[in-house]
Amino acid sequence: MRWAQGFIAVDWGTTNRRAYSIDREMRCVDEFEDGLGILSVPAGGFHDAVAEIRARLGDRPLLLGGMIGSNRGWIEAPYVSCPAGLDDLVAGLVWPEPDVAIVPGVADDAGERADVMRGEEVQLIGAIAARTIPADCIVCHPGTHNKWVAVGGGRIAAFRTVMTGELFNLLKEHSILADLLGPDAEPGEPFAAGVRRGLEGDGIQAELFSVRARVLLGKARREDAAAYTSGLLIGGDVRIGLSSGTDGQVIVMGRPELTELYAAALGIAGQQAVEIDGERCFLDGAIKIAERIQ
């Protein structure tokens, strides 16, 4: 019964965490976000980290999603295999303490496939349960590791991960392009030009080097390099995501600054896209899971 009186939902990633206080009416009444991801918690320090969340949001049960359940987090929550739905996630909850539950990740491990997600599954199941997305659709979930997800029968049926966000960050911080990739990418002609080139799928590794060469030779403006590079990588990502075909619109789920870029790229590829807020979907998923806890 204690969960029915309200709980705290935490989306706990590698470098950041977002915590939400949910009241007995299943409404979010308070929240905070900080940079204390799992890598910021010292060995043996998760009990204290949870106590600190409760000190800020109240003495309530906690539902933890994301990398907190990885082998680098508090306690590993084993993956649930596709197809995975709400009941599968609830059955796979791991309890490191009374009134603290960790949501399992999802694995696409049929045959020779080997792919995993942690955190996105809460958003996906929330969107399905709240009927924000159809029971059968394709979802693009931008992030550090972008996911292309096939939803079938109201369950996560299959998915593929593309490391676009991480690759861009590595290029921005550690590559010969680092001094060109400072500005945030925004939709516009430089971004669109990169997307079109990426959709062609012809040697993106070589195209990445040409980003600098084009600036050096006066064929492109320095201030356009970040948008072009982002478009190049996202265009290649979209090409992968659409390679298996889709009959309808693509749902783009996540943070608005990322969904905007992917929706723009999908439009350039001739594909209709619908953007939805990943935060709202996470809350819907956490609430649906909490409602099933006895």
C-alpha atoms as a PDB file:
ATOM      1  CA  MET A   1       0.000   0.000   0.000  1.00  0.00           C
ATOM      2  CA  ARG A   2       2.879   2.398   0.633  1.00  0.00           C
ATOM      3  CA  TRP A   3       3.577   2.850  -3.097  1.00  0.00           C
ATOM      4  CA  ALA A   4      -0.042   3.913  -3.622  1.00  0.00           C
ATOM      5  CA  GLN A   5       0.575   6.843  -1.258  1.00  0.00           C
ATOM      6  CA  GLY A   6       3.223   8.259  -3.596  1.00  0.00           C
ATOM      7  CA  PHE A   7       6.791   7.491  -4.606  1.00  0.00           C
ATOM      8  CA  ILE A   8       9.955   8.969  -6.108  1.00  0.00           C
ATOM      9  CA  ALA A   9      10.968   8.103  -9.685  1.00  0.00           C
ATOM     10  CA  VAL A  10      14.605   8.551 -10.681  1.00  0.00           C
ATOM     11  CA  ASP A  11      16.069   8.453 -14.173  1.00  0.00           C
ATOM     12  CA  TRP A  12      19.669   7.762 -13.109  1.00  0.00           C
ATOM     13  CA  GLY A  13      22.171   7.879 -15.925  1.00  0.00           C
ATOM     14  CA  THR A  14      25.931   7.685 -16.250  1.00  0.00           C
ATOM     15  CA  THR A  15      26.614  11.396 -15.762  1.00  0.00           C
ATOM     16  CA  ASN A  16      23.261  12.888 -14.688  1.00  0.00           C
ATOM     17  CA  ARG A  17      20.188  12.036 -12.679  1.00  0.00           C
ATOM     18  CA  ARG A  18      16.630  13.384 -12.697  1.00  0.00           C
ATOM     19  CA  ALA A  19      14.332  12.719  -9.734  1.00  0.00           C
ATOM     20  CA  TYR A  20      10.570  13.283  -9.529  1.00  0.00           C
ATOM     21  CA  SER A  21       8.227  13.238  -6.530  1.00  0.00           C
ATOM     22  CA  ILE A  22       4.901  11.584  -7.414  1.00  0.00           C
ATOM     23  CA  ASP A  23       1.967  12.103  -5.036  1.00  0.00           C
ATOM     24  CA  ARG A  24      -0.927   9.747  -4.232  1.00  0.00           C
ATOM     25  CA  GLU A  25      -2.880  11.159  -7.178  1.00  0.00           C
ATOM     26  CA  MET A  26       0.035  10.084  -9.408  1.00  0.00           C
ATOM     27  CA  ARG A  27       0.968  13.676 -10.209  1.00  0.00           C
ATOM     28  CA  CYS A  28       4.520  15.026 -10.308  1.00  0.00           C
ATOM     29  CA  VAL A  29       4.674  17.645  -7.539  1.00  0.00           C
ATOM     30  CA  ASP A  30       8.423  18.257  -7.242  1.00  0.00           C
ATOM     31  CA  GLU A  31      11.618  17.412  -9.101  1.00  0.00           C
ATOM     32  CA  PHE A  32      15.302  18.149  -9.483  1.00  0.00           C
ATOM     33  CA  GLU A  33      18.128  17.381 -11.878  1.00  0.00           C
ATOM     34  CA  ASP A  34      21.851  17.345 -11.163  1.00  0.00           C
ATOM     35  CA  GLY A  35      25.166  15.974 -12.405  1.00  0.00           C
ATOM     36  CA  LEU A  36      25.432  13.155  -9.877  1.00  0.00           C
ATOM     37  CA  GLY A  37      25.250  10.233 -12.271  1.00  0.00           C
ATOM     38  CA  ILE A  38      26.421   6.765 -11.298  1.00  0.00           C
ATOM     39  CA  LEU A  39      30.058   7.603 -12.045  1.00  0.00           C
ATOM     40  CA  SER A  40      29.914  10.324  -9.380  1.00  0.00           C
ATOM     41  CA  VAL A  41      28.893   7.908  -6.628  1.00  0.00           C
ATOM     42  CA  PRO A  42      31.833   6.325  -4.743  1.00  0.00           C
ATOM     43  CA  ALA A  43      31.988   2.581  -4.171  1.00  0.00           C
ATOM     44  CA  GLY A  44      29.452   1.624  -1.534  1.00  0.00           C
ATOM     45  CA  GLY A  45      27.887   5.077  -1.673  1.00  0.00           C
ATOM     46  CA  PHE A  46      24.521   4.401  -3.280  1.00  0.00           C
ATOM     47  CA  HIS A  47      22.704   3.992   0.042  1.00  0.00           C
ATOM     48  CA  ASP A  48      23.800   7.500   1.005  1.00  0.00           C
ATOM     49  CA  ALA A  49      22.924   8.819  -2.460  1.00  0.00           C
ATOM     50  CA  VAL A  50      19.384   7.449  -2.098  1.00  0.00           C
ATOM     51  CA  ALA A  51      19.110   8.968   1.377  1.00  0.00           C
ATOM     52  CA  GLU A  52      20.090  12.335  -0.100  1.00  0.00           C
ATOM     53  CA  ILE A  53      17.302  12.065  -2.697  1.00  0.00           C
ATOM     54  CA  ARG A  54      14.790  11.314   0.056  1.00  0.00           C
ATOM     55  CA  ALA A  55      16.075  14.269   2.078  1.00  0.00           C
ATOM     56  CA  ARG A  56      15.192  16.505  -0.879  1.00  0.00           C
ATOM     57  CA  LEU A  57      11.921  14.917  -2.023  1.00  0.00           C
ATOM     58  CA  GLY A  58      10.523  13.092   1.022  1.00  0.00           C
ATOM     59  CA  ASP A  59      10.579   9.670   2.693  1.00  0.00           C
ATOM     60  CA  ARG A  60       8.895   7.654  -0.026  1.00  0.00           C
ATOM     61  CA  PRO A  61       9.591   4.457  -1.965  1.00  0.00           C
ATOM     62  CA  LEU A  62      11.997   4.892  -4.870  1.00  0.00           C
ATOM     63  CA  LEU A  63      11.762   3.496  -8.394  1.00  0.00           C
ATOM     64  CA  LEU A  64      15.126   3.761 -10.140  1.00  0.00           C
ATOM     65  CA  GLY A  65      15.619   3.464 -13.900  1.00  0.00           C
ATOM     66  CA  GLY A  66      18.614   3.819 -16.187  1.00  0.00           C
ATOM     67  CA  MET A  67      22.278   2.979 -15.677  1.00  0.00           C
ATOM     68  CA  ILE A  68      21.796   2.600 -11.932  1.00  0.00           C
ATOM     69  CA  GLY A  69      20.882  -1.011 -12.782  1.00  0.00           C
ATOM     70  CA  SER A  70      23.946  -1.653 -14.957  1.00  0.00           C
ATOM     71  CA  ASN A  71      27.087  -3.542 -13.973  1.00  0.00           C
ATOM     72  CA  ARG A  72      28.615  -0.140 -13.194  1.00  0.00           C
ATOM     73  CA  GLY A  73      25.691   0.950 -11.010  1.00  0.00           C
ATOM     74  CA  TRP A  74      24.352  -0.052  -7.607  1.00  0.00           C
ATOM     75  CA  ILE A  75      23.113  -3.599  -8.206  1.00  0.00           C
ATOM     76  CA  GLU A  76      22.825  -5.134 -11.654  1.00  0.00           C
ATOM     77  CA  ALA A  77      19.245  -5.661 -12.790  1.00  0.00           C
ATOM     78  CA  PRO A  78      19.391  -8.430 -15.431  1.00  0.00           C
ATOM     79  CA  TYR A  79      18.056  -7.640 -18.890  1.00  0.00           C
ATOM     80  CA  VAL A  80      14.597  -8.729 -19.974  1.00  0.00           C
ATOM     81  CA  SER A  81      14.602 -10.151 -23.505  1.00  0.00           C
ATOM     82  CA  CYS A  82      12.470  -8.826 -26.357  1.00  0.00           C
ATOM     83  CA  PRO A  83       9.570  -8.831 -26.805  1.00  0.00           C
ATOM     84  CA  ALA A  84       9.243  -6.958 -23.505  1.00  0.00           C
ATOM     85  CA  GLY A  85       6.197  -5.241 -22.044  1.00  0.00           C
ATOM     86  CA  LEU A  86       5.052  -3.675 -18.792  1.00  0.00           C
ATOM     87  CA  ASP A  87       4.508  -6.981 -16.994  1.00  0.00           C
ATOM     88  CA  ASP A  88       7.987  -8.167 -17.957  1.00  0.00           C
ATOM     89  CA  LEU A  89       9.613  -5.063 -16.483  1.00  0.00           C
ATOM     90  CA  VAL A  90       7.627  -5.392 -13.252  1.00  0.00           C
ATOM     91  CA  ALA A  91       8.560  -9.074 -12.932  1.00  0.00           C
ATOM     92  CA  GLY A  92      12.232  -8.171 -13.439  1.00  0.00           C
ATOM     93  CA  LEU A  93      12.448  -5.486 -10.738  1.00  0.00           C
ATOM     94  CA  VAL A  94      15.463  -5.835  -8.425  1.00  0.00           C
ATOM     95  CA  TRP A  95      15.256  -4.714  -4.795  1.00  0.00           C
ATOM     96  CA  PRO A  96      18.565  -3.511  -3.264  1.00  0.00           C
ATOM     97  CA  GLU A  97      16.671  -2.255  -0.197  1.00  0.00           C
ATOM     98  CA  PRO A  98      13.075  -2.438   1.039  1.00  0.00           C
ATOM     99  CA  ASP A  99      11.054   0.211  -0.798  1.00  0.00           C
ATOM    100  CA  VAL A 100      13.783   0.710  -3.432  1.00  0.00           C
ATOM    101  CA  ALA A 101      13.249  -0.986  -6.812  1.00  0.00           C
ATOM    102  CA  ILE A 102      15.506  -0.930  -9.883  1.00  0.00           C
ATOM    103  CA  VAL A 103      13.942  -1.378 -13.328  1.00  0.00           C
ATOM    104  CA  PRO A 104      15.652  -3.984 -15.540  1.00  0.00           C
ATOM    105  CA  GLY A 105      17.019  -3.086 -18.944  1.00  0.00           C
ATOM    106  CA  VAL A 106      15.893  -4.766 -22.162  1.00  0.00           C
ATOM    107  CA  ALA A 107      17.998  -6.941 -24.472  1.00  0.00           C
ATOM    108  CA  ASP A 108      17.458  -7.752 -28.133  1.00  0.00           C
ATOM    109  CA  ASP A 109      19.343 -11.056 -28.154  1.00  0.00           C
ATOM    110  CA  ALA A 110      17.442 -13.229 -30.613  1.00  0.00           C
ATOM    111  CA  GLY A 111      19.751 -15.397 -32.715  1.00  0.00           C
ATOM    112  CA  GLU A 112      22.960 -13.542 -33.534  1.00  0.00           C
ATOM    113  CA  ARG A 113      21.622 -10.182 -32.349  1.00  0.00           C
ATOM    114  CA  ALA A 114      23.214  -8.477 -29.360  1.00  0.00           C
ATOM    115  CA  ASP A 115      21.823  -5.106 -28.302  1.00  0.00           C
ATOM    116  CA  VAL A 116      20.771  -3.598 -24.965  1.00  0.00           C
ATOM    117  CA  MET A 117      19.021  -0.553 -23.510  1.00  0.00           C
ATOM    118  CA  ARG A 118      18.654   0.900 -20.016  1.00  0.00           C
ATOM    119  CA  GLY A 119      16.348   3.821 -19.304  1.00  0.00           C
ATOM    120  CA  GLU A 120      14.694   4.049 -22.700  1.00  0.00           C
ATOM    121  CA  GLU A 121      12.465   1.082 -21.840  1.00  0.00           C
ATOM    122  CA  VAL A 122      10.672   3.071 -19.120  1.00  0.00           C
ATOM    123  CA  GLN A 123       9.869   5.846 -21.598  1.00  0.00           C
ATOM    124  CA  LEU A 124       8.753   3.412 -24.284  1.00  0.00           C
ATOM    125  CA  ILE A 125       6.495   1.409 -21.975  1.00  0.00           C
ATOM    126  CA  GLY A 126       5.106   4.648 -20.557  1.00  0.00           C
ATOM    127  CA  ALA A 127       4.258   5.968 -24.021  1.00  0.00           C
ATOM    128  CA  ILE A 128       2.599   2.671 -24.947  1.00  0.00           C
ATOM    129  CA  ALA A 129       0.603   2.458 -21.706  1.00  0.00           C
ATOM    130  CA  ALA A 130      -0.538   6.080 -21.938  1.00  0.00           C
ATOM    131  CA  ARG A 131      -1.427   5.553 -25.629  1.00  0.00           C
ATOM    132  CA  THR A 132       0.876   8.396 -26.572  1.00  0.00           C
ATOM    133  CA  ILE A 133       2.187   6.115 -29.309  1.00  0.00           C
ATOM    134  CA  PRO A 134       0.429   3.301 -31.208  1.00  0.00           C
ATOM    135  CA  ALA A 135       0.806  -0.315 -30.156  1.00  0.00           C
ATOM    136  CA  ASP A 136       2.592  -0.936 -33.461  1.00  0.00           C
ATOM    137  CA  CYS A 137       5.077   1.697 -34.638  1.00  0.00           C
ATOM    138  CA  ILE A 138       8.702   2.688 -35.143  1.00  0.00           C
ATOM    139  CA  VAL A 139      10.322   4.873 -32.497  1.00  0.00           C
ATOM    140  CA  CYS A 140      13.552   6.830 -32.868  1.00  0.00           C
ATOM    141  CA  HIS A 141      14.986   7.637 -29.430  1.00  0.00           C
ATOM    142  CA  PRO A 142      17.875  10.130 -29.805  1.00  0.00           C
ATOM    143  CA  GLY A 143      20.569  10.298 -27.165  1.00  0.00           C
ATOM    144  CA  THR A 144      24.185   9.393 -26.586  1.00  0.00           C
ATOM    145  CA  HIS A 145      23.291   5.984 -28.019  1.00  0.00           C
ATOM    146  CA  ASN A 146      20.334   6.484 -30.360  1.00  0.00           C
ATOM    147  CA  LYS A 147      17.778   3.674 -30.467  1.00  0.00           C
ATOM    148  CA  TRP A 148      15.592   2.628 -33.393  1.00  0.00           C
ATOM    149  CA  VAL A 149      12.807   0.606 -31.803  1.00  0.00           C
ATOM    150  CA  ALA A 150      10.139  -1.586 -33.363  1.00  0.00           C
ATOM    151  CA  VAL A 151       7.064  -1.587 -31.129  1.00  0.00           C
ATOM    152  CA  GLY A 152       4.732  -4.491 -31.803  1.00  0.00           C
ATOM    153  CA  GLY A 153       1.600  -5.534 -29.979  1.00  0.00           C
ATOM    154  CA  GLY A 154       2.255  -2.942 -27.292  1.00  0.00           C
ATOM    155  CA  ARG A 155       5.687  -4.368 -26.470  1.00  0.00           C
ATOM    156  CA  ILE A 156       9.301  -3.575 -27.308  1.00  0.00           C
ATOM    157  CA  ALA A 157       9.723  -6.072 -30.133  1.00  0.00           C
ATOM    158  CA  ALA A 158      13.216  -5.302 -31.452  1.00  0.00           C
ATOM    159  CA  PHE A 159      15.700  -2.450 -31.591  1.00  0.00           C
ATOM    160  CA  ARG A 160      19.051  -1.298 -32.906  1.00  0.00           C
ATOM    161  CA  THR A 161      21.509   1.122 -31.322  1.00  0.00           C
ATOM    162  CA  VAL A 162      23.555   3.685 -33.255  1.00  0.00           C
ATOM    163  CA  MET A 163      26.341   5.475 -31.328  1.00  0.00           C
ATOM    164  CA  THR A 164      25.796   8.819 -33.039  1.00  0.00           C
ATOM    165  CA  GLY A 165      25.732  11.058 -29.965  1.00  0.00           C
ATOM    166  CA  GLU A 166      28.827   9.498 -28.435  1.00  0.00           C
ATOM    167  CA  LEU A 167      30.697   9.689 -31.734  1.00  0.00           C
ATOM    168  CA  PHE A 168      29.891  13.396 -32.094  1.00  0.00           C
ATOM    169  CA  ASN A 169      31.059  14.049 -28.523  1.00  0.00           C
ATOM    170  CA  LEU A 170      34.303  12.165 -29.121  1.00  0.00           C
ATOM    171  CA  LEU A 171      34.946  14.149 -32.284  1.00  0.00           C
ATOM    172  CA  LYS A 172      34.155  17.365 -30.409  1.00  0.00           C
ATOM    173  CA  GLU A 173      36.523  16.608 -27.540  1.00  0.00           C
ATOM    174  CA  HIS A 174      39.346  14.472 -28.915  1.00  0.00           C
ATOM    175  CA  SER A 175      39.628  14.755 -32.698  1.00  0.00           C
ATOM    176  CA  ILE A 176      41.240  16.970 -35.284  1.00  0.00           C
ATOM    177  CA  LEU A 177      37.786  18.554 -35.687  1.00  0.00           C
ATOM    178  CA  ALA A 178      37.551  19.622 -32.040  1.00  0.00           C
ATOM    179  CA  ASP A 179      38.231  23.318 -32.683  1.00  0.00           C
ATOM    180  CA  LEU A 180      35.423  23.407 -35.276  1.00  0.00           C
ATOM    181  CA  LEU A 181      32.658  21.709 -33.291  1.00  0.00           C
ATOM    182  CA  GLY A 182      32.077  24.185 -30.477  1.00  0.00           C
ATOM    183  CA  PRO A 183      28.685  25.701 -31.420  1.00  0.00           C
ATOM    184  CA  ASP A 184      25.490  23.731 -30.826  1.00  0.00           C
ATOM    185  CA  ALA A 185      24.017  22.295 -33.998  1.00  0.00           C
ATOM    186  CA  GLU A 186      20.683  23.686 -35.153  1.00  0.00           C
ATOM    187  CA  PRO A 187      18.455  22.913 -38.139  1.00  0.00           C
ATOM    188  CA  GLY A 188      19.345  25.018 -41.156  1.00  0.00           C
ATOM    189  CA  GLU A 189      21.027  24.681 -44.525  1.00  0.00           C
ATOM    190  CA  PRO A 190      24.461  23.535 -43.206  1.00  0.00           C
ATOM    191  CA  PHE A 191      22.742  20.857 -41.124  1.00  0.00           C
ATOM    192  CA  ALA A 192      20.518  19.845 -44.051  1.00  0.00           C
ATOM    193  CA  ALA A 193      23.529  19.608 -46.372  1.00  0.00           C
ATOM    194  CA  GLY A 194      25.196  17.266 -43.887  1.00  0.00           C
ATOM    195  CA  VAL A 195      22.040  15.168 -43.595  1.00  0.00           C
ATOM    196  CA  ARG A 196      21.757  14.793 -47.367  1.00  0.00           C
ATOM    197  CA  ARG A 197      25.376  13.672 -47.553  1.00  0.00           C
ATOM    198  CA  GLY A 198      24.913  11.272 -44.652  1.00  0.00           C
ATOM    199  CA  LEU A 199      21.808   9.756 -46.220  1.00  0.00           C
ATOM    200  CA  GLU A 200      23.895   8.843 -49.254  1.00  0.00           C
ATOM    201  CA  GLY A 201      25.900   6.547 -46.975  1.00  0.00           C
ATOM    202  CA  ASP A 202      29.041   6.885 -49.050  1.00  0.00           C
ATOM    203  CA  GLY A 203      32.101   6.827 -46.803  1.00  0.00           C
ATOM    204  CA  ILE A 204      31.130   8.899 -43.772  1.00  0.00           C
ATOM    205  CA  GLN A 205      34.593   8.348 -42.257  1.00  0.00           C
ATOM    206  CA  ALA A 206      36.120  10.121 -45.250  1.00  0.00           C
ATOM    207  CA  GLU A 207      33.450  12.824 -45.167  1.00  0.00           C
ATOM    208  CA  LEU A 208      34.344  13.575 -41.555  1.00  0.00           C
ATOM    209  CA  PHE A 209      37.910  14.451 -42.564  1.00  0.00           C
ATOM    210  CA  SER A 210      36.593  16.613 -45.371  1.00  0.00           C
ATOM    211  CA  VAL A 211      34.796  18.816 -42.805  1.00  0.00           C
ATOM    212  CA  ARG A 212      38.139  20.367 -41.888  1.00  0.00           C
ATOM    213  CA  ALA A 213      39.481  20.337 -45.438  1.00  0.00           C
ATOM    214  CA  ARG A 214      36.430  22.210 -46.721  1.00  0.00           C
ATOM    215  CA  VAL A 215      37.027  24.975 -44.187  1.00  0.00           C
ATOM    216  CA  LEU A 216      40.768  25.136 -44.920  1.00  0.00           C
ATOM    217  CA  LEU A 217      40.144  25.392 -48.664  1.00  0.00           C
ATOM    218  CA  GLY A 218      37.469  28.054 -48.314  1.00  0.00           C
ATOM    219  CA  LYS A 219      34.651  25.791 -49.494  1.00  0.00           C
ATOM    220  CA  ALA A 220      32.716  26.025 -46.221  1.00  0.00           C
ATOM    221  CA  ARG A 221      32.401  28.480 -43.374  1.00  0.00           C
ATOM    222  CA  ARG A 222      34.049  27.619 -40.083  1.00  0.00           C
ATOM    223  CA  GLU A 223      30.887  28.514 -38.134  1.00  0.00           C
ATOM    224  CA  ASP A 224      28.875  25.969 -40.149  1.00  0.00           C
ATOM    225  CA  ALA A 225      31.132  23.011 -39.383  1.00  0.00           C
ATOM    226  CA  ALA A 226      29.326  21.829 -36.236  1.00  0.00           C
ATOM    227  CA  ALA A 227      25.890  21.848 -37.891  1.00  0.00           C
ATOM    228  CA  TYR A 228      27.212  20.120 -41.010  1.00  0.00           C
ATOM    229  CA  THR A 229      28.995  17.421 -38.973  1.00  0.00           C
ATOM    230  CA  SER A 230      25.935  16.837 -36.825  1.00  0.00           C
ATOM    231  CA  GLY A 231      23.802  16.538 -39.950  1.00  0.00           C
ATOM    232  CA  LEU A 232      26.301  14.159 -41.552  1.00  0.00           C
ATOM    233  CA  LEU A 233      26.203  11.796 -38.575  1.00  0.00           C
ATOM    234  CA  ILE A 234      22.447  12.041 -38.036  1.00  0.00           C
ATOM    235  CA  GLY A 235      21.839  11.513 -41.759  1.00  0.00           C
ATOM    236  CA  GLY A 236      23.848   8.288 -41.591  1.00  0.00           C
ATOM    237  CA  ASP A 237      21.949   7.311 -38.456  1.00  0.00           C
ATOM    238  CA  VAL A 238      18.572   7.880 -40.157  1.00  0.00           C
ATOM    239  CA  ARG A 239      19.709   5.882 -43.157  1.00  0.00           C
ATOM    240  CA  ILE A 240      20.374   2.934 -40.822  1.00  0.00           C
ATOM    241  CA  GLY A 241      17.084   3.393 -38.999  1.00  0.00           C
ATOM    242  CA  LEU A 242      15.020   3.436 -42.186  1.00  0.00           C
ATOM    243  CA  SER A 243      16.905   0.602 -43.867  1.00  0.00           C
ATOM    244  CA  SER A 244      14.400  -2.025 -42.706  1.00  0.00           C
ATOM    245  CA  GLY A 245      11.516   0.062 -44.051  1.00  0.00           C
ATOM    246  CA  THR A 246       8.524   1.701 -42.379  1.00  0.00           C
ATOM    247  CA  ASP A 247       4.947   2.047 -43.588  1.00  0.00           C
ATOM    248  CA  GLY A 248       3.958   5.008 -41.418  1.00  0.00           C
ATOM    249  CA  GLN A 249       5.289   7.891 -39.417  1.00  0.00           C
ATOM    250  CA  VAL A 250       8.290   7.640 -37.136  1.00  0.00           C
ATOM    251  CA  ILE A 251       7.834   8.631 -33.494  1.00  0.00           C
ATOM    252  CA  VAL A 252      10.819  10.669 -32.279  1.00  0.00           C
ATOM    253  CA  MET A 253      10.994  10.471 -28.481  1.00  0.00           C
ATOM    254  CA  GLY A 254      13.383  12.318 -26.190  1.00  0.00           C
ATOM    255  CA  ARG A 255      14.591  15.780 -25.274  1.00  0.00           C
ATOM    256  CA  PRO A 256      13.305  18.538 -27.577  1.00  0.00           C
ATOM    257  CA  GLU A 257      16.749  19.771 -28.629  1.00  0.00           C
ATOM    258  CA  LEU A 258      17.504  16.285 -29.990  1.00  0.00           C
ATOM    259  CA  THR A 259      14.093  15.328 -31.343  1.00  0.00           C
ATOM    260  CA  GLU A 260      14.073  18.561 -33.367  1.00  0.00           C
ATOM    261  CA  LEU A 261      17.258  17.567 -35.195  1.00  0.00           C
ATOM    262  CA  TYR A 262      16.141  14.001 -35.904  1.00  0.00           C
ATOM    263  CA  ALA A 263      12.677  15.099 -37.024  1.00  0.00           C
ATOM    264  CA  ALA A 264      14.316  17.553 -39.427  1.00  0.00           C
ATOM    265  CA  ALA A 265      16.588  14.823 -40.782  1.00  0.00           C
ATOM    266  CA  LEU A 266      13.678  12.426 -41.204  1.00  0.00           C
ATOM    267  CA  GLY A 267      11.817  15.128 -43.132  1.00  0.00           C
ATOM    268  CA  ILE A 268      14.774  15.516 -45.473  1.00  0.00           C
ATOM    269  CA  ALA A 269      14.671  11.739 -45.958  1.00  0.00           C
ATOM    270  CA  GLY A 270      11.010  12.064 -46.983  1.00  0.00           C
ATOM    271  CA  GLN A 271       9.689  10.467 -43.806  1.00  0.00           C
ATOM    272  CA  GLN A 272       6.972  11.957 -41.599  1.00  0.00           C
ATOM    273  CA  ALA A 273       8.046  12.366 -37.967  1.00  0.00           C
ATOM    274  CA  VAL A 274       6.115  13.115 -34.774  1.00  0.00           C
ATOM    275  CA  GLU A 275       8.038  14.479 -31.768  1.00  0.00           C
ATOM    276  CA  ILE A 276       7.062  13.549 -28.213  1.00  0.00           C
ATOM    277  CA  ASP A 277       8.564  14.525 -24.871  1.00  0.00           C
ATOM    278  CA  GLY A 278      10.665  11.736 -23.364  1.00  0.00           C
ATOM    279  CA  GLU A 279      10.407  13.157 -19.837  1.00  0.00           C
ATOM    280  CA  ARG A 280       6.616  12.886 -19.853  1.00  0.00           C
ATOM    281  CA  CYS A 281       6.897   9.328 -21.156  1.00  0.00           C
ATOM    282  CA  PHE A 282       9.348   8.419 -18.376  1.00  0.00           C
ATOM    283  CA  LEU A 283       6.877   9.648 -15.759  1.00  0.00           C
ATOM    284  CA  ASP A 284       4.049   7.698 -17.388  1.00  0.00           C
ATOM    285  CA  GLY A 285       6.197   4.558 -17.420  1.00  0.00           C
ATOM    286  CA  ALA A 286       7.295   4.942 -13.801  1.00  0.00           C
ATOM    287  CA  ILE A 287       3.709   5.451 -12.684  1.00  0.00           C
ATOM    288  CA  LYS A 288       2.485   2.380 -14.559  1.00  0.00           C
ATOM    289  CA  ILE A 289       5.242   0.256 -13.033  1.00  0.00           C
ATOM    290  CA  ALA A 290       4.567   1.588  -9.518  1.00  0.00           C
ATOM    291  CA  GLU A 291       0.867   0.820  -9.890  1.00  0.00           C
ATOM    292  CA  ARG A 292       1.727  -2.841 -10.467  1.00  0.00           C
ATOM    293  CA  ILE A 293       3.913  -3.181  -7.358  1.00  0.00           C
ATOM    294  CA  GLN A 294       2.150  -5.110  -4.593  1.00  0.00           C
END
